[in-house]
PDB file of N, CA and C in Angstrom:
ATOM      1  N   MET A   1     -32.005 -15.967   4.677  1.00  0.00           N
ATOM      2  CA  MET A   1     -33.395 -15.931   5.061  1.00  0.00           C
ATOM      3  C   MET A   1     -34.228 -16.077   3.788  1.00  0.00           C
ATOM      4  N   THR A   2     -35.188 -16.964   3.808  1.00  0.00           N
ATOM      5  CA  THR A   2     -36.028 -17.187   2.634  1.00  0.00           C
ATOM      6  C   THR A   2     -37.246 -16.267   2.682  1.00  0.00           C
ATOM      7  N   GLU A   3     -38.016 -16.275   1.604  1.00  0.00           N
ATOM      8  CA  GLU A   3     -39.182 -15.410   1.516  1.00  0.00           C
ATOM      9  C   GLU A   3     -40.252 -15.781   2.523  1.00  0.00           C
ATOM     10  N   LYS A   4     -40.322 -17.057   2.911  1.00  0.00           N
ATOM     11  CA  LYS A   4     -41.371 -17.516   3.819  1.00  0.00           C
ATOM     12  C   LYS A   4     -41.053 -17.241   5.282  1.00  0.00           C
ATOM     13  N   GLU A   5     -39.815 -16.967   5.597  1.00  0.00           N
ATOM     14  CA  GLU A   5     -39.453 -16.678   6.982  1.00  0.00           C
ATOM     15  C   GLU A   5     -39.910 -15.273   7.346  1.00  0.00           C
ATOM     16  N   GLU A   6     -40.433 -15.128   8.551  1.00  0.00           N
ATOM     17  CA  GLU A   6     -40.899 -13.822   9.001  1.00  0.00           C
ATOM     18  C   GLU A   6     -39.931 -13.246  10.026  1.00  0.00           C
ATOM     19  N   ILE A   7     -39.769 -11.944   9.966  1.00  0.00           N
ATOM     20  CA  ILE A   7     -38.960 -11.267  10.968  1.00  0.00           C
ATOM     21  C   ILE A   7     -39.886 -10.893  12.107  1.00  0.00           C
ATOM     22  N   LYS A   8     -39.585 -11.342  13.301  1.00  0.00           N
ATOM     23  CA  LYS A   8     -40.425 -11.031  14.455  1.00  0.00           C
ATOM     24  C   LYS A   8     -39.747  -9.958  15.291  1.00  0.00           C
ATOM     25  N   HIS A   9     -40.550  -8.984  15.688  1.00  0.00           N
ATOM     26  CA  HIS A   9     -40.046  -7.894  16.508  1.00  0.00           C
ATOM     27  C   HIS A   9     -40.534  -8.081  17.927  1.00  0.00           C
ATOM     28  N   LYS A  10     -39.780  -7.577  18.867  1.00  0.00           N
ATOM     29  CA  LYS A  10     -40.167  -7.652  20.260  1.00  0.00           C
ATOM     30  C   LYS A  10     -41.334  -6.696  20.506  1.00  0.00           C
ATOM     31  N   TYR A  11     -42.363  -7.155  21.249  1.00  0.00           N
ATOM     32  CA  TYR A  11     -43.530  -6.337  21.561  1.00  0.00           C
ATOM     33  C   TYR A  11     -43.175  -5.303  22.622  1.00  0.00           C
ATOM     34  N   VAL A  12     -43.530  -4.064  22.359  1.00  0.00           N
ATOM     35  CA  VAL A  12     -43.328  -2.988  23.322  1.00  0.00           C
ATOM     36  C   VAL A  12     -44.717  -2.468  23.682  1.00  0.00           C
ATOM     37  N   ALA A  13     -45.089  -2.641  24.943  1.00  0.00           N
ATOM     38  CA  ALA A  13     -46.411  -2.222  25.389  1.00  0.00           C
ATOM     39  C   ALA A  13     -46.529  -0.699  25.361  1.00  0.00           C
ATOM     40  N   PRO A  14     -47.707  -0.169  25.004  1.00  0.00           N
ATOM     41  CA  PRO A  14     -47.893   1.281  25.020  1.00  0.00           C
ATOM     42  C   PRO A  14     -47.876   1.808  26.451  1.00  0.00           C
ATOM     43  N   THR A  15     -47.484   3.041  26.591  1.00  0.00           N
ATOM     44  CA  THR A  15     -47.447   3.659  27.916  1.00  0.00           C
ATOM     45  C   THR A  15     -48.322   4.900  27.911  1.00  0.00           C
ATOM     46  N   LEU A  16     -48.759   5.263  29.091  1.00  0.00           N
ATOM     47  CA  LEU A  16     -49.580   6.456  29.266  1.00  0.00           C
ATOM     48  C   LEU A  16     -48.961   7.266  30.384  1.00  0.00           C
ATOM     49  N   GLU A  17     -48.666   8.529  30.098  1.00  0.00           N
ATOM     50  CA  GLU A  17     -48.076   9.400  31.099  1.00  0.00           C
ATOM     51  C   GLU A  17     -49.052  10.511  31.440  1.00  0.00           C
ATOM     52  N   VAL A  18     -49.152  10.843  32.718  1.00  0.00           N
ATOM     53  CA  VAL A  18     -50.055  11.883  33.190  1.00  0.00           C
ATOM     54  C   VAL A  18     -49.243  12.909  33.956  1.00  0.00           C
ATOM     55  N   LEU A  19     -49.505  14.180  33.679  1.00  0.00           N
ATOM     56  CA  LEU A  19     -48.833  15.262  34.372  1.00  0.00           C
ATOM     57  C   LEU A  19     -49.907  16.133  35.007  1.00  0.00           C
ATOM     58  N   LEU A  20     -49.917  16.216  36.319  1.00  0.00           N
ATOM     59  CA  LEU A  20     -50.888  17.033  37.028  1.00  0.00           C
ATOM     60  C   LEU A  20     -50.261  18.381  37.366  1.00  0.00           C
ATOM     61  N   ILE A  21     -50.996  19.452  37.073  1.00  0.00           N
ATOM     62  CA  ILE A  21     -50.515  20.799  37.355  1.00  0.00           C
ATOM     63  C   ILE A  21     -51.570  21.495  38.195  1.00  0.00           C
ATOM     64  N   LYS A  22     -51.166  22.018  39.337  1.00  0.00           N
ATOM     65  CA  LYS A  22     -52.082  22.776  40.186  1.00  0.00           C
ATOM     66  C   LYS A  22     -51.835  24.256  39.955  1.00  0.00           C
ATOM     67  N   LEU A  23     -52.919  24.976  39.725  1.00  0.00           N
ATOM     68  CA  LEU A  23     -52.807  26.408  39.495  1.00  0.00           C
ATOM     69  C   LEU A  23     -53.456  27.160  40.642  1.00  0.00           C
ATOM     70  N   GLU A  24     -52.821  28.228  41.073  1.00  0.00           N
ATOM     71  CA  GLU A  24     -53.428  29.063  42.089  1.00  0.00           C
ATOM     72  C   GLU A  24     -54.522  29.922  41.475  1.00  0.00           C
ATOM     73  N   GLN A  25     -54.336  30.326  40.258  1.00  0.00           N
ATOM     74  CA  GLN A  25     -55.305  31.139  39.522  1.00  0.00           C
ATOM     75  C   GLN A  25     -55.501  30.483  38.165  1.00  0.00           C
ATOM     76  N   GLY A  26     -56.561  30.858  37.464  1.00  0.00           N
ATOM     77  CA  GLY A  26     -56.785  30.333  36.125  1.00  0.00           C
ATOM     78  C   GLY A  26     -55.751  30.885  35.157  1.00  0.00           C
ATOM     79  N   ILE A  27     -55.576  30.202  34.066  1.00  0.00           N
ATOM     80  CA  ILE A  27     -54.615  30.651  33.058  1.00  0.00           C
ATOM     81  C   ILE A  27     -55.105  31.957  32.444  1.00  0.00           C
ATOM     82  N   ALA A  28     -54.301  32.955  32.485  1.00  0.00           N
ATOM     83  CA  ALA A  28     -54.556  34.268  31.883  1.00  0.00           C
ATOM     84  C   ALA A  28     -55.830  34.924  32.417  1.00  0.00           C
ATOM     85  N   VAL A  29     -56.211  34.620  33.641  1.00  0.00           N
ATOM     86  CA  VAL A  29     -57.424  35.220  34.177  1.00  0.00           C
ATOM     87  C   VAL A  29     -57.173  36.711  34.400  1.00  0.00           C
ATOM     88  N   GLY A  30     -58.028  37.520  33.870  1.00  0.00           N
ATOM     89  CA  GLY A  30     -57.925  38.955  34.060  1.00  0.00           C
ATOM     90  C   GLY A  30     -56.794  39.621  33.315  1.00  0.00           C
ATOM     91  N   SER A  31     -56.089  38.878  32.457  1.00  0.00           N
ATOM     92  CA  SER A  31     -54.976  39.502  31.745  1.00  0.00           C
ATOM     93  C   SER A  31     -55.461  40.337  30.572  1.00  0.00           C
ATOM     94  N   ALA A  32     -56.698  40.104  30.168  1.00  0.00           N
ATOM     95  CA  ALA A  32     -57.240  40.895  29.060  1.00  0.00           C
ATOM     96  C   ALA A  32     -58.731  41.060  29.259  1.00  0.00           C
ATOM     97  N   SER A  33     -59.206  42.195  28.863  1.00  0.00           N
ATOM     98  CA  SER A  33     -60.655  42.395  28.871  1.00  0.00           C
ATOM     99  C   SER A  33     -61.052  42.851  27.484  1.00  0.00           C
ATOM    100  N   ALA A  34     -62.225  42.441  27.074  1.00  0.00           N
ATOM    101  CA  ALA A  34     -62.648  42.778  25.719  1.00  0.00           C
ATOM    102  C   ALA A  34     -64.049  43.352  25.729  1.00  0.00           C
ATOM    103  N   ASN A  35     -64.197  44.453  25.070  1.00  0.00           N
ATOM    104  CA  ASN A  35     -65.498  45.034  24.832  1.00  0.00           C
ATOM    105  C   ASN A  35     -65.619  45.105  23.316  1.00  0.00           C
ATOM    106  N   VAL A  36     -66.126  44.031  22.725  1.00  0.00           N
ATOM    107  CA  VAL A  36     -66.119  43.900  21.274  1.00  0.00           C
ATOM    108  C   VAL A  36     -67.410  44.426  20.688  1.00  0.00           C
ATOM    109  N   THR A  37     -67.271  45.388  19.806  1.00  0.00           N
ATOM    110  CA  THR A  37     -68.404  45.916  19.059  1.00  0.00           C
ATOM    111  C   THR A  37     -68.010  45.867  17.592  1.00  0.00           C
ATOM    112  N   PRO A  38     -68.691  45.020  16.800  1.00  0.00           N
ATOM    113  CA  PRO A  38     -68.302  44.907  15.389  1.00  0.00           C
ATOM    114  C   PRO A  38     -68.622  46.187  14.617  1.00  0.00           C
ATOM    115  N   THR A  39     -67.619  46.707  13.951  1.00  0.00           N
ATOM    116  CA  THR A  39     -67.799  47.917  13.153  1.00  0.00           C
ATOM    117  C   THR A  39     -67.276  47.680  11.751  1.00  0.00           C
ATOM    118  N   ASP A  40     -67.726  48.504  10.814  1.00  0.00           N
ATOM    119  CA  ASP A  40     -67.226  48.411   9.449  1.00  0.00           C
ATOM    120  C   ASP A  40     -66.075  49.400   9.264  1.00  0.00           C
ATOM    121  N   ALA A  41     -65.646  49.577   8.026  1.00  0.00           N
ATOM    122  CA  ALA A  41     -64.506  50.458   7.740  1.00  0.00           C
ATOM    123  C   ALA A  41     -64.785  51.906   8.100  1.00  0.00           C
ATOM    124  N   SER A  42     -66.061  52.320   8.110  1.00  0.00           N
ATOM    125  CA  SER A  42     -66.421  53.694   8.452  1.00  0.00           C
ATOM    126  C   SER A  42     -66.681  53.864   9.944  1.00  0.00           C
ATOM    127  N   ASN A  43     -66.388  52.829  10.714  1.00  0.00           N
ATOM    128  CA  ASN A  43     -66.568  52.816  12.170  1.00  0.00           C
ATOM    129  C   ASN A  43     -68.043  52.856  12.580  1.00  0.00           C
ATOM    130  N   ASN A  44     -68.937  52.389  11.659  1.00  0.00           N
ATOM    131  CA  ASN A  44     -70.351  52.264  11.973  1.00  0.00           C
ATOM    132  C   ASN A  44     -70.612  50.886  12.576  1.00  0.00           C
ATOM    133  N   VAL A  45     -71.440  50.840  13.598  1.00  0.00           N
ATOM    134  CA  VAL A  45     -71.738  49.576  14.263  1.00  0.00           C
ATOM    135  C   VAL A  45     -72.592  48.705  13.357  1.00  0.00           C
ATOM    136  N   GLN A  46     -72.174  47.438  13.216  1.00  0.00           N
ATOM    137  CA  GLN A  46     -72.942  46.481  12.432  1.00  0.00           C
ATOM    138  C   GLN A  46     -73.957  45.824  13.353  1.00  0.00           C
ATOM    139  N   ASP A  47     -75.233  45.991  13.055  1.00  0.00           N
ATOM    140  CA  ASP A  47     -76.250  45.438  13.937  1.00  0.00           C
ATOM    141  C   ASP A  47     -77.049  44.304  13.304  1.00  0.00           C
ATOM    142  N   SER A  48     -76.651  43.860  12.114  1.00  0.00           N
ATOM    143  CA  SER A  48     -77.337  42.728  11.497  1.00  0.00           C
ATOM    144  C   SER A  48     -76.328  41.892  10.709  1.00  0.00           C
ATOM    145  N   TRP A  49     -76.703  40.638  10.479  1.00  0.00           N
ATOM    146  CA  TRP A  49     -75.846  39.734   9.718  1.00  0.00           C
ATOM    147  C   TRP A  49     -76.084  39.957   8.240  1.00  0.00           C
ATOM    148  N   GLY A  50     -75.017  39.866   7.474  1.00  0.00           N
ATOM    149  CA  GLY A  50     -75.154  39.914   6.028  1.00  0.00           C
ATOM    150  C   GLY A  50     -75.642  38.558   5.532  1.00  0.00           C
ATOM    151  N   ALA A  51     -76.541  38.542   4.583  1.00  0.00           N
ATOM    152  CA  ALA A  51     -77.083  37.290   4.053  1.00  0.00           C
ATOM    153  C   ALA A  51     -76.502  37.042   2.672  1.00  0.00           C
ATOM    154  N   ASP A  52     -75.796  35.943   2.524  1.00  0.00           N
ATOM    155  CA  ASP A  52     -75.265  35.560   1.221  1.00  0.00           C
ATOM    156  C   ASP A  52     -76.309  34.711   0.496  1.00  0.00           C
ATOM    157  N   THR A  53     -76.085  34.494  -0.785  1.00  0.00           N
ATOM    158  CA  THR A  53     -76.987  33.632  -1.538  1.00  0.00           C
ATOM    159  C   THR A  53     -76.805  32.193  -1.068  1.00  0.00           C
ATOM    160  N   ASP A  54     -77.868  31.401  -1.241  1.00  0.00           N
ATOM    161  CA  ASP A  54     -77.801  30.000  -0.835  1.00  0.00           C
ATOM    162  C   ASP A  54     -76.842  29.230  -1.734  1.00  0.00           C
ATOM    163  N   ASP A  55     -76.188  28.252  -1.141  1.00  0.00           N
ATOM    164  CA  ASP A  55     -75.282  27.394  -1.881  1.00  0.00           C
ATOM    165  C   ASP A  55     -76.029  26.103  -2.204  1.00  0.00           C
ATOM    166  N   ASN A  56     -76.491  25.957  -3.429  1.00  0.00           N
ATOM    167  CA  ASN A  56     -77.306  24.809  -3.813  1.00  0.00           C
ATOM    168  C   ASN A  56     -76.537  23.798  -4.652  1.00  0.00           C
ATOM    169  N   ARG A  57     -75.236  23.684  -4.410  1.00  0.00           N
ATOM    170  CA  ARG A  57     -74.440  22.727  -5.178  1.00  0.00           C
ATOM    171  C   ARG A  57     -74.745  21.299  -4.745  1.00  0.00           C
ATOM    172  N   THR A  58     -74.544  20.366  -5.636  1.00  0.00           N
ATOM    173  CA  THR A  58     -74.601  18.958  -5.297  1.00  0.00           C
ATOM    174  C   THR A  58     -73.174  18.521  -4.980  1.00  0.00           C
ATOM    175  N   ILE A  59     -73.004  17.995  -3.805  1.00  0.00           N
ATOM    176  CA  ILE A  59     -71.671  17.582  -3.373  1.00  0.00           C
ATOM    177  C   ILE A  59     -71.613  16.062  -3.363  1.00  0.00           C
ATOM    178  N   ASN A  60     -70.705  15.497  -4.138  1.00  0.00           N
ATOM    179  CA  ASN A  60     -70.539  14.047  -4.199  1.00  0.00           C
ATOM    180  C   ASN A  60     -69.593  13.598  -3.105  1.00  0.00           C
ATOM    181  N   TRP A  61     -70.088  12.760  -2.248  1.00  0.00           N
ATOM    182  CA  TRP A  61     -69.255  12.251  -1.157  1.00  0.00           C
ATOM    183  C   TRP A  61     -68.532  11.050  -1.620  1.00  0.00           C
TER     184      TRP A  61
END
């Protein structure tokens, strides 16, 4: 085979597969309940967001 000859491969068309699943109930419905109250290490409720300093860097894309 010389450098100018090309190797041709057989075309394989892409396929798409679909799997339908019917559920009687939602996934994990009612398996957990959460009553989330953010607290710090002393178990005090955090009622405000902490403000960090602004990030004024120049970012080169």
